[in-house]
Amino acid sequence: MMLHFIVMLLLVFGYFLYSEVNAGFFYKSAAEREKLVQAERAFTDQRVQKVIEFKKKLCDGTDKKFVLINQKASLSGMHVFFICRDVSA
């Protein structure tokens, strides 16, 4: 039995807070911090949705399996669940 896999390698995925240089985020207020957190979440949700759409385009209706290797930034458990289950963010 031969298995067919599609491998996707991600070098950069995640959140704005994971940077390669030393950086600091300073907020004027808790509301400003919350706004940044929501923007990060929306950005990551959009990227995860694109990965899900790509996976469906390549694998739906075939016997192919999708392998995602993320090397740079961590994904939240929720986003990993979305990709595994083809659920929209």
PDB file of N, CA and C in Angstrom:
ATOM      1  N   MET A   1       0.839  -1.181   0.000  1.00  0.00           N
ATOM      2  CA  MET A   1       0.000   0.000   0.000  1.00  0.00           C
ATOM      3  C   MET A   1       0.883   1.243   0.000  1.00  0.00           C
ATOM      4  N   MET A   2       0.651   2.129  -0.914  1.00  0.00           N
ATOM      5  CA  MET A   2       1.432   3.357  -1.013  1.00  0.00           C
ATOM      6  C   MET A   2       0.609   4.535  -0.506  1.00  0.00           C
ATOM      7  N   LEU A   3       1.229   5.326   0.360  1.00  0.00           N
ATOM      8  CA  LEU A   3       0.566   6.509   0.901  1.00  0.00           C
ATOM      9  C   LEU A   3       1.110   7.745   0.197  1.00  0.00           C
ATOM     10  N   HIS A   4       0.244   8.717  -0.019  1.00  0.00           N
ATOM     11  CA  HIS A   4       0.630   9.970  -0.653  1.00  0.00           C
ATOM     12  C   HIS A   4       0.472  11.096   0.357  1.00  0.00           C
ATOM     13  N   PHE A   5       1.545  11.843   0.542  1.00  0.00           N
ATOM     14  CA  PHE A   5       1.537  12.952   1.483  1.00  0.00           C
ATOM     15  C   PHE A   5       1.882  14.243   0.758  1.00  0.00           C
ATOM     16  N   ILE A   6       1.265  15.308   1.195  1.00  0.00           N
ATOM     17  CA  ILE A   6       1.631  16.652   0.775  1.00  0.00           C
ATOM     18  C   ILE A   6       2.245  17.310   2.002  1.00  0.00           C
ATOM     19  N   VAL A   7       3.474  17.777   1.874  1.00  0.00           N
ATOM     20  CA  VAL A   7       4.186  18.358   3.008  1.00  0.00           C
ATOM     21  C   VAL A   7       4.272  19.865   2.805  1.00  0.00           C
ATOM     22  N   MET A   8       3.875  20.609   3.831  1.00  0.00           N
ATOM     23  CA  MET A   8       3.964  22.065   3.806  1.00  0.00           C
ATOM     24  C   MET A   8       4.905  22.481   4.930  1.00  0.00           C
ATOM     25  N   LEU A   9       5.951  23.192   4.578  1.00  0.00           N
ATOM     26  CA  LEU A   9       6.935  23.651   5.544  1.00  0.00           C
ATOM     27  C   LEU A   9       6.755  25.147   5.756  1.00  0.00           C
ATOM     28  N   LEU A  10       6.487  25.530   6.986  1.00  0.00           N
ATOM     29  CA  LEU A  10       6.318  26.943   7.326  1.00  0.00           C
ATOM     30  C   LEU A  10       7.527  27.416   8.106  1.00  0.00           C
ATOM     31  N   LEU A  11       8.157  28.460   7.614  1.00  0.00           N
ATOM     32  CA  LEU A  11       9.296  29.019   8.330  1.00  0.00           C
ATOM     33  C   LEU A  11       8.886  30.166   9.234  1.00  0.00           C
ATOM     34  N   VAL A  12       7.886  30.900   8.842  1.00  0.00           N
ATOM     35  CA  VAL A  12       7.376  31.985   9.668  1.00  0.00           C
ATOM     36  C   VAL A  12       5.867  31.891   9.632  1.00  0.00           C
ATOM     37  N   PHE A  13       5.253  31.869  10.793  1.00  0.00           N
ATOM     38  CA  PHE A  13       3.805  31.775  10.813  1.00  0.00           C
ATOM     39  C   PHE A  13       3.220  32.773  11.778  1.00  0.00           C
ATOM     40  N   GLY A  14       3.725  32.735  12.955  1.00  0.00           N
ATOM     41  CA  GLY A  14       2.985  33.125  14.126  1.00  0.00           C
ATOM     42  C   GLY A  14       2.808  34.566  14.447  1.00  0.00           C
ATOM     43  N   TYR A  15       2.811  34.801  15.691  1.00  0.00           N
ATOM     44  CA  TYR A  15       2.393  36.048  16.285  1.00  0.00           C
ATOM     45  C   TYR A  15       3.460  37.117  16.133  1.00  0.00           C
ATOM     46  N   PHE A  16       3.031  38.367  16.246  1.00  0.00           N
ATOM     47  CA  PHE A  16       3.947  39.491  16.153  1.00  0.00           C
ATOM     48  C   PHE A  16       4.967  39.479  17.288  1.00  0.00           C
ATOM     49  N   LEU A  17       4.645  38.881  18.404  1.00  0.00           N
ATOM     50  CA  LEU A  17       5.516  38.932  19.568  1.00  0.00           C
ATOM     51  C   LEU A  17       6.749  38.059  19.420  1.00  0.00           C
ATOM     52  N   TYR A  18       6.762  37.150  18.476  1.00  0.00           N
ATOM     53  CA  TYR A  18       7.925  36.301  18.258  1.00  0.00           C
ATOM     54  C   TYR A  18       8.793  36.940  17.185  1.00  0.00           C
ATOM     55  N   SER A  19       9.775  37.703  17.595  1.00  0.00           N
ATOM     56  CA  SER A  19      10.628  38.375  16.618  1.00  0.00           C
ATOM     57  C   SER A  19      12.066  37.891  16.776  1.00  0.00           C
ATOM     58  N   GLU A  20      12.846  38.118  15.750  1.00  0.00           N
ATOM     59  CA  GLU A  20      14.235  37.687  15.740  1.00  0.00           C
ATOM     60  C   GLU A  20      15.155  38.684  16.440  1.00  0.00           C
ATOM     61  N   VAL A  21      14.685  39.886  16.658  1.00  0.00           N
ATOM     62  CA  VAL A  21      15.512  40.910  17.305  1.00  0.00           C
ATOM     63  C   VAL A  21      14.936  41.215  18.670  1.00  0.00           C
ATOM     64  N   ASN A  22      15.751  41.831  19.498  1.00  0.00           N
ATOM     65  CA  ASN A  22      15.257  42.246  20.808  1.00  0.00           C
ATOM     66  C   ASN A  22      14.315  43.426  20.624  1.00  0.00           C
ATOM     67  N   ALA A  23      13.099  43.249  21.045  1.00  0.00           N
ATOM     68  CA  ALA A  23      12.101  44.306  20.887  1.00  0.00           C
ATOM     69  C   ALA A  23      11.242  44.346  22.135  1.00  0.00           C
ATOM     70  N   GLY A  24      10.705  45.486  22.402  1.00  0.00           N
ATOM     71  CA  GLY A  24       9.822  45.634  23.543  1.00  0.00           C
ATOM     72  C   GLY A  24       8.520  46.276  23.113  1.00  0.00           C
ATOM     73  N   PHE A  25       7.445  45.857  23.735  1.00  0.00           N
ATOM     74  CA  PHE A  25       6.148  46.454  23.476  1.00  0.00           C
ATOM     75  C   PHE A  25       5.731  47.201  24.734  1.00  0.00           C
ATOM     76  N   PHE A  26       5.432  48.467  24.559  1.00  0.00           N
ATOM     77  CA  PHE A  26       5.000  49.281  25.674  1.00  0.00           C
ATOM     78  C   PHE A  26       3.623  49.836  25.343  1.00  0.00           C
ATOM     79  N   TYR A  27       2.741  49.766  26.291  1.00  0.00           N
ATOM     80  CA  TYR A  27       1.352  50.168  26.064  1.00  0.00           C
ATOM     81  C   TYR A  27       1.025  51.362  26.943  1.00  0.00           C
ATOM     82  N   LYS A  28       0.208  52.250  26.398  1.00  0.00           N
ATOM     83  CA  LYS A  28      -0.255  53.395  27.173  1.00  0.00           C
ATOM     84  C   LYS A  28      -1.364  52.991  28.127  1.00  0.00           C
ATOM     85  N   SER A  29      -2.114  51.956  27.723  1.00  0.00           N
ATOM     86  CA  SER A  29      -3.239  51.531  28.552  1.00  0.00           C
ATOM     87  C   SER A  29      -3.535  50.060  28.297  1.00  0.00           C
ATOM     88  N   ALA A  30      -4.339  49.490  29.152  1.00  0.00           N
ATOM     89  CA  ALA A  30      -4.763  48.098  28.966  1.00  0.00           C
ATOM     90  C   ALA A  30      -5.605  47.965  27.703  1.00  0.00           C
ATOM     91  N   ALA A  31      -6.356  48.992  27.358  1.00  0.00           N
ATOM     92  CA  ALA A  31      -7.175  48.955  26.143  1.00  0.00           C
ATOM     93  C   ALA A  31      -6.294  48.883  24.899  1.00  0.00           C
ATOM     94  N   GLU A  32      -5.170  49.610  24.912  1.00  0.00           N
ATOM     95  CA  GLU A  32      -4.240  49.563  23.786  1.00  0.00           C
ATOM     96  C   GLU A  32      -3.631  48.169  23.644  1.00  0.00           C
ATOM     97  N   ARG A  33      -3.283  47.563  24.773  1.00  0.00           N
ATOM     98  CA  ARG A  33      -2.736  46.202  24.741  1.00  0.00           C
ATOM     99  C   ARG A  33      -3.774  45.230  24.199  1.00  0.00           C
ATOM    100  N   GLU A  34      -5.000  45.360  24.642  1.00  0.00           N
ATOM    101  CA  GLU A  34      -6.075  44.472  24.183  1.00  0.00           C
ATOM    102  C   GLU A  34      -6.299  44.617  22.681  1.00  0.00           C
ATOM    103  N   LYS A  35      -6.185  45.836  22.173  1.00  0.00           N
ATOM    104  CA  LYS A  35      -6.347  46.071  20.739  1.00  0.00           C
ATOM    105  C   LYS A  35      -5.263  45.320  19.947  1.00  0.00           C
ATOM    106  N   LEU A  36      -4.018  45.353  20.446  1.00  0.00           N
ATOM    107  CA  LEU A  36      -2.925  44.639  19.784  1.00  0.00           C
ATOM    108  C   LEU A  36      -3.151  43.131  19.834  1.00  0.00           C
ATOM    109  N   VAL A  37      -3.595  42.634  20.967  1.00  0.00           N
ATOM    110  CA  VAL A  37      -3.871  41.196  21.097  1.00  0.00           C
ATOM    111  C   VAL A  37      -4.946  40.774  20.102  1.00  0.00           C
ATOM    112  N   GLN A  38      -5.996  41.554  19.963  1.00  0.00           N
ATOM    113  CA  GLN A  38      -7.063  41.234  19.012  1.00  0.00           C
ATOM    114  C   GLN A  38      -6.562  41.284  17.574  1.00  0.00           C
ATOM    115  N   ALA A  39      -5.686  42.242  17.262  1.00  0.00           N
ATOM    116  CA  ALA A  39      -5.123  42.335  15.918  1.00  0.00           C
ATOM    117  C   ALA A  39      -4.249  41.122  15.610  1.00  0.00           C
ATOM    118  N   GLU A  40      -3.458  40.686  16.593  1.00  0.00           N
ATOM    119  CA  GLU A  40      -2.633  39.483  16.419  1.00  0.00           C
ATOM    120  C   GLU A  40      -3.502  38.266  16.152  1.00  0.00           C
ATOM    121  N   ARG A  41      -4.560  38.138  16.933  1.00  0.00           N
ATOM    122  CA  ARG A  41      -5.461  36.992  16.796  1.00  0.00           C
ATOM    123  C   ARG A  41      -6.123  36.986  15.419  1.00  0.00           C
ATOM    124  N   ALA A  42      -6.586  38.133  14.954  1.00  0.00           N
ATOM    125  CA  ALA A  42      -7.213  38.223  13.631  1.00  0.00           C
ATOM    126  C   ALA A  42      -6.212  37.872  12.534  1.00  0.00           C
ATOM    127  N   PHE A  43      -4.978  38.370  12.661  1.00  0.00           N
ATOM    128  CA  PHE A  43      -3.921  38.067  11.696  1.00  0.00           C
ATOM    129  C   PHE A  43      -3.660  36.563  11.629  1.00  0.00           C
ATOM    130  N   THR A  44      -3.506  35.936  12.786  1.00  0.00           N
ATOM    131  CA  THR A  44      -3.232  34.498  12.828  1.00  0.00           C
ATOM    132  C   THR A  44      -4.434  33.699  12.336  1.00  0.00           C
ATOM    133  N   ASP A  45      -5.642  34.105  12.700  1.00  0.00           N
ATOM    134  CA  ASP A  45      -6.851  33.423  12.205  1.00  0.00           C
ATOM    135  C   ASP A  45      -6.911  33.436  10.681  1.00  0.00           C
ATOM    136  N   GLN A  46      -6.559  34.563  10.071  1.00  0.00           N
ATOM    137  CA  GLN A  46      -6.568  34.663   8.604  1.00  0.00           C
ATOM    138  C   GLN A  46      -5.535  33.739   7.982  1.00  0.00           C
ATOM    139  N   ARG A  47      -4.357  33.682   8.568  1.00  0.00           N
ATOM    140  CA  ARG A  47      -3.301  32.803   8.038  1.00  0.00           C
ATOM    141  C   ARG A  47      -3.687  31.338   8.183  1.00  0.00           C
ATOM    142  N   VAL A  48      -4.269  30.978   9.324  1.00  0.00           N
ATOM    143  CA  VAL A  48      -4.716  29.595   9.530  1.00  0.00           C
ATOM    144  C   VAL A  48      -5.805  29.245   8.528  1.00  0.00           C
ATOM    145  N   GLN A  49      -6.728  30.159   8.275  1.00  0.00           N
ATOM    146  CA  GLN A  49      -7.803  29.907   7.316  1.00  0.00           C
ATOM    147  C   GLN A  49      -7.237  29.657   5.919  1.00  0.00           C
ATOM    148  N   LYS A  50      -6.200  30.384   5.538  1.00  0.00           N
ATOM    149  CA  LYS A  50      -5.571  30.173   4.232  1.00  0.00           C
ATOM    150  C   LYS A  50      -4.915  28.799   4.148  1.00  0.00           C
ATOM    151  N   VAL A  51      -4.294  28.353   5.234  1.00  0.00           N
ATOM    152  CA  VAL A  51      -3.703  27.012   5.258  1.00  0.00           C
ATOM    153  C   VAL A  51      -4.795  25.954   5.117  1.00  0.00           C
ATOM    154  N   ILE A  52      -5.918  26.139   5.812  1.00  0.00           N
ATOM    155  CA  ILE A  52      -7.029  25.198   5.726  1.00  0.00           C
ATOM    156  C   ILE A  52      -7.578  25.138   4.304  1.00  0.00           C
ATOM    157  N   GLU A  53      -7.761  26.298   3.673  1.00  0.00           N
ATOM    158  CA  GLU A  53      -8.256  26.326   2.293  1.00  0.00           C
ATOM    159  C   GLU A  53      -7.276  25.642   1.341  1.00  0.00           C
ATOM    160  N   PHE A  54      -5.984  25.857   1.536  1.00  0.00           N
ATOM    161  CA  PHE A  54      -4.957  25.215   0.714  1.00  0.00           C
ATOM    162  C   PHE A  54      -4.997  23.700   0.899  1.00  0.00           C
ATOM    163  N   LYS A  55      -5.126  23.273   2.143  1.00  0.00           N
ATOM    164  CA  LYS A  55      -5.215  21.836   2.450  1.00  0.00           C
ATOM    165  C   LYS A  55      -6.420  21.211   1.764  1.00  0.00           C
ATOM    166  N   LYS A  56      -7.578  21.861   1.859  1.00  0.00           N
ATOM    167  CA  LYS A  56      -8.787  21.342   1.221  1.00  0.00           C
ATOM    168  C   LYS A  56      -8.638  21.281  -0.296  1.00  0.00           C
ATOM    169  N   LYS A  57      -8.030  22.312  -0.871  1.00  0.00           N
ATOM    170  CA  LYS A  57      -7.852  22.365  -2.320  1.00  0.00           C
ATOM    171  C   LYS A  57      -7.005  21.191  -2.818  1.00  0.00           C
ATOM    172  N   LEU A  58      -5.978  20.846  -2.073  1.00  0.00           N
ATOM    173  CA  LEU A  58      -5.065  19.793  -2.501  1.00  0.00           C
ATOM    174  C   LEU A  58      -5.526  18.388  -2.126  1.00  0.00           C
ATOM    175  N   CYS A  59      -6.219  18.248  -1.011  1.00  0.00           N
ATOM    176  CA  CYS A  59      -6.472  16.914  -0.468  1.00  0.00           C
ATOM    177  C   CYS A  59      -7.913  16.426  -0.584  1.00  0.00           C
ATOM    178  N   ASP A  60      -8.896  17.320  -0.658  1.00  0.00           N
ATOM    179  CA  ASP A  60     -10.293  16.878  -0.712  1.00  0.00           C
ATOM    180  C   ASP A  60     -10.544  16.036  -1.955  1.00  0.00           C
ATOM    181  N   GLY A  61     -11.209  14.911  -1.761  1.00  0.00           N
ATOM    182  CA  GLY A  61     -11.548  14.031  -2.868  1.00  0.00           C
ATOM    183  C   GLY A  61     -10.412  13.122  -3.299  1.00  0.00           C
ATOM    184  N   THR A  62      -9.314  13.130  -2.564  1.00  0.00           N
ATOM    185  CA  THR A  62      -8.183  12.258  -2.879  1.00  0.00           C
ATOM    186  C   THR A  62      -7.817  11.455  -1.639  1.00  0.00           C
ATOM    187  N   ASP A  63      -6.875  10.549  -1.803  1.00  0.00           N
ATOM    188  CA  ASP A  63      -6.397   9.776  -0.651  1.00  0.00           C
ATOM    189  C   ASP A  63      -5.123  10.389  -0.064  1.00  0.00           C
ATOM    190  N   LYS A  64      -4.813  11.623  -0.429  1.00  0.00           N
ATOM    191  CA  LYS A  64      -3.600  12.290   0.036  1.00  0.00           C
ATOM    192  C   LYS A  64      -3.762  12.785   1.469  1.00  0.00           C
ATOM    193  N   LYS A  65      -2.674  12.768   2.206  1.00  0.00           N
ATOM    194  CA  LYS A  65      -2.625  13.267   3.579  1.00  0.00           C
ATOM    195  C   LYS A  65      -1.796  14.545   3.597  1.00  0.00           C
ATOM    196  N   PHE A  66      -2.112  15.429   4.512  1.00  0.00           N
ATOM    197  CA  PHE A  66      -1.466  16.736   4.605  1.00  0.00           C
ATOM    198  C   PHE A  66      -0.584  16.767   5.847  1.00  0.00           C
ATOM    199  N   VAL A  67       0.691  17.109   5.682  1.00  0.00           N
ATOM    200  CA  VAL A  67       1.632  17.219   6.791  1.00  0.00           C
ATOM    201  C   VAL A  67       2.086  18.672   6.866  1.00  0.00           C
ATOM    202  N   LEU A  68       1.947  19.273   8.033  1.00  0.00           N
ATOM    203  CA  LEU A  68       2.339  20.658   8.247  1.00  0.00           C
ATOM    204  C   LEU A  68       3.506  20.681   9.232  1.00  0.00           C
ATOM    205  N   ILE A  69       4.626  21.244   8.807  1.00  0.00           N
ATOM    206  CA  ILE A  69       5.797  21.378   9.668  1.00  0.00           C
ATOM    207  C   ILE A  69       6.030  22.868   9.880  1.00  0.00           C
ATOM    208  N   ASN A  70       5.930  23.290  11.119  1.00  0.00           N
ATOM    209  CA  ASN A  70       6.081  24.697  11.467  1.00  0.00           C
ATOM    210  C   ASN A  70       7.376  24.856  12.255  1.00  0.00           C
ATOM    211  N   GLN A  71       8.367  25.542  11.685  1.00  0.00           N
ATOM    212  CA  GLN A  71       9.683  25.591  12.298  1.00  0.00           C
ATOM    213  C   GLN A  71       9.971  26.832  13.124  1.00  0.00           C
ATOM    214  N   LYS A  72       9.352  27.935  12.860  1.00  0.00           N
ATOM    215  CA  LYS A  72       9.754  29.185  13.500  1.00  0.00           C
ATOM    216  C   LYS A  72       8.953  29.526  14.749  1.00  0.00           C
ATOM    217  N   ALA A  73       7.691  29.733  14.603  1.00  0.00           N
ATOM    218  CA  ALA A  73       6.875  30.215  15.715  1.00  0.00           C
ATOM    219  C   ALA A  73       5.844  29.173  16.096  1.00  0.00           C
ATOM    220  N   SER A  74       5.444  29.209  17.316  1.00  0.00           N
ATOM    221  CA  SER A  74       4.476  28.222  17.778  1.00  0.00           C
ATOM    222  C   SER A  74       3.058  28.655  17.421  1.00  0.00           C
ATOM    223  N   LEU A  75       2.237  27.671  17.157  1.00  0.00           N
ATOM    224  CA  LEU A  75       0.812  27.892  16.948  1.00  0.00           C
ATOM    225  C   LEU A  75       0.090  27.554  18.234  1.00  0.00           C
ATOM    226  N   SER A  76      -0.989  28.229  18.502  1.00  0.00           N
ATOM    227  CA  SER A  76      -1.767  27.886  19.683  1.00  0.00           C
ATOM    228  C   SER A  76      -2.444  26.540  19.448  1.00  0.00           C
ATOM    229  N   GLY A  77      -2.785  25.869  20.516  1.00  0.00           N
ATOM    230  CA  GLY A  77      -3.473  24.588  20.419  1.00  0.00           C
ATOM    231  C   GLY A  77      -4.778  24.701  19.650  1.00  0.00           C
ATOM    232  N   MET A  78      -5.452  25.822  19.810  1.00  0.00           N
ATOM    233  CA  MET A  78      -6.709  26.045  19.103  1.00  0.00           C
ATOM    234  C   MET A  78      -6.482  26.075  17.593  1.00  0.00           C
ATOM    235  N   HIS A  79      -5.435  26.740  17.135  1.00  0.00           N
ATOM    236  CA  HIS A  79      -5.172  26.824  15.706  1.00  0.00           C
ATOM    237  C   HIS A  79      -4.737  25.472  15.141  1.00  0.00           C
ATOM    238  N   VAL A  80      -3.977  24.710  15.899  1.00  0.00           N
ATOM    239  CA  VAL A  80      -3.611  23.360  15.463  1.00  0.00           C
ATOM    240  C   VAL A  80      -4.871  22.517  15.304  1.00  0.00           C
ATOM    241  N   PHE A  81      -5.802  22.633  16.248  1.00  0.00           N
ATOM    242  CA  PHE A  81      -7.074  21.918  16.168  1.00  0.00           C
ATOM    243  C   PHE A  81      -7.838  22.314  14.904  1.00  0.00           C
ATOM    244  N   PHE A  82      -7.892  23.620  14.607  1.00  0.00           N
ATOM    245  CA  PHE A  82      -8.594  24.089  13.411  1.00  0.00           C
ATOM    246  C   PHE A  82      -8.013  23.465  12.152  1.00  0.00           C
ATOM    247  N   ILE A  83      -6.694  23.421  12.045  1.00  0.00           N
ATOM    248  CA  ILE A  83      -6.054  22.860  10.854  1.00  0.00           C
ATOM    249  C   ILE A  83      -6.315  21.357  10.766  1.00  0.00           C
ATOM    250  N   CYS A  84      -6.217  20.658  11.881  1.00  0.00           N
ATOM    251  CA  CYS A  84      -6.431  19.203  11.869  1.00  0.00           C
ATOM    252  C   CYS A  84      -7.869  18.839  11.517  1.00  0.00           C
ATOM    253  N   ARG A  85      -8.809  19.611  11.971  1.00  0.00           N
ATOM    254  CA  ARG A  85     -10.223  19.284  11.804  1.00  0.00           C
ATOM    255  C   ARG A  85     -10.904  20.042  10.669  1.00  0.00           C
ATOM    256  N   ASP A  86     -10.163  20.875   9.934  1.00  0.00           N
ATOM    257  CA  ASP A  86     -10.726  21.698   8.857  1.00  0.00           C
ATOM    258  C   ASP A  86     -11.854  22.587   9.354  1.00  0.00           C
ATOM    259  N   VAL A  87     -11.658  23.187  10.504  1.00  0.00           N
ATOM    260  CA  VAL A  87     -12.659  24.058  11.100  1.00  0.00           C
ATOM    261  C   VAL A  87     -12.219  25.497  10.876  1.00  0.00           C
ATOM    262  N   SER A  88     -13.138  26.359  10.537  1.00  0.00           N
ATOM    263  CA  SER A  88     -12.814  27.771  10.347  1.00  0.00           C
ATOM    264  C   SER A  88     -12.524  28.435  11.682  1.00  0.00           C
ATOM    265  N   ALA A  89     -11.594  29.362  11.660  1.00  0.00           N
ATOM    266  CA  ALA A  89     -11.223  30.088  12.882  1.00  0.00           C
ATOM    267  C   ALA A  89     -12.260  31.125  13.228  1.00  0.00           C
TER     268      ALA A  89
END
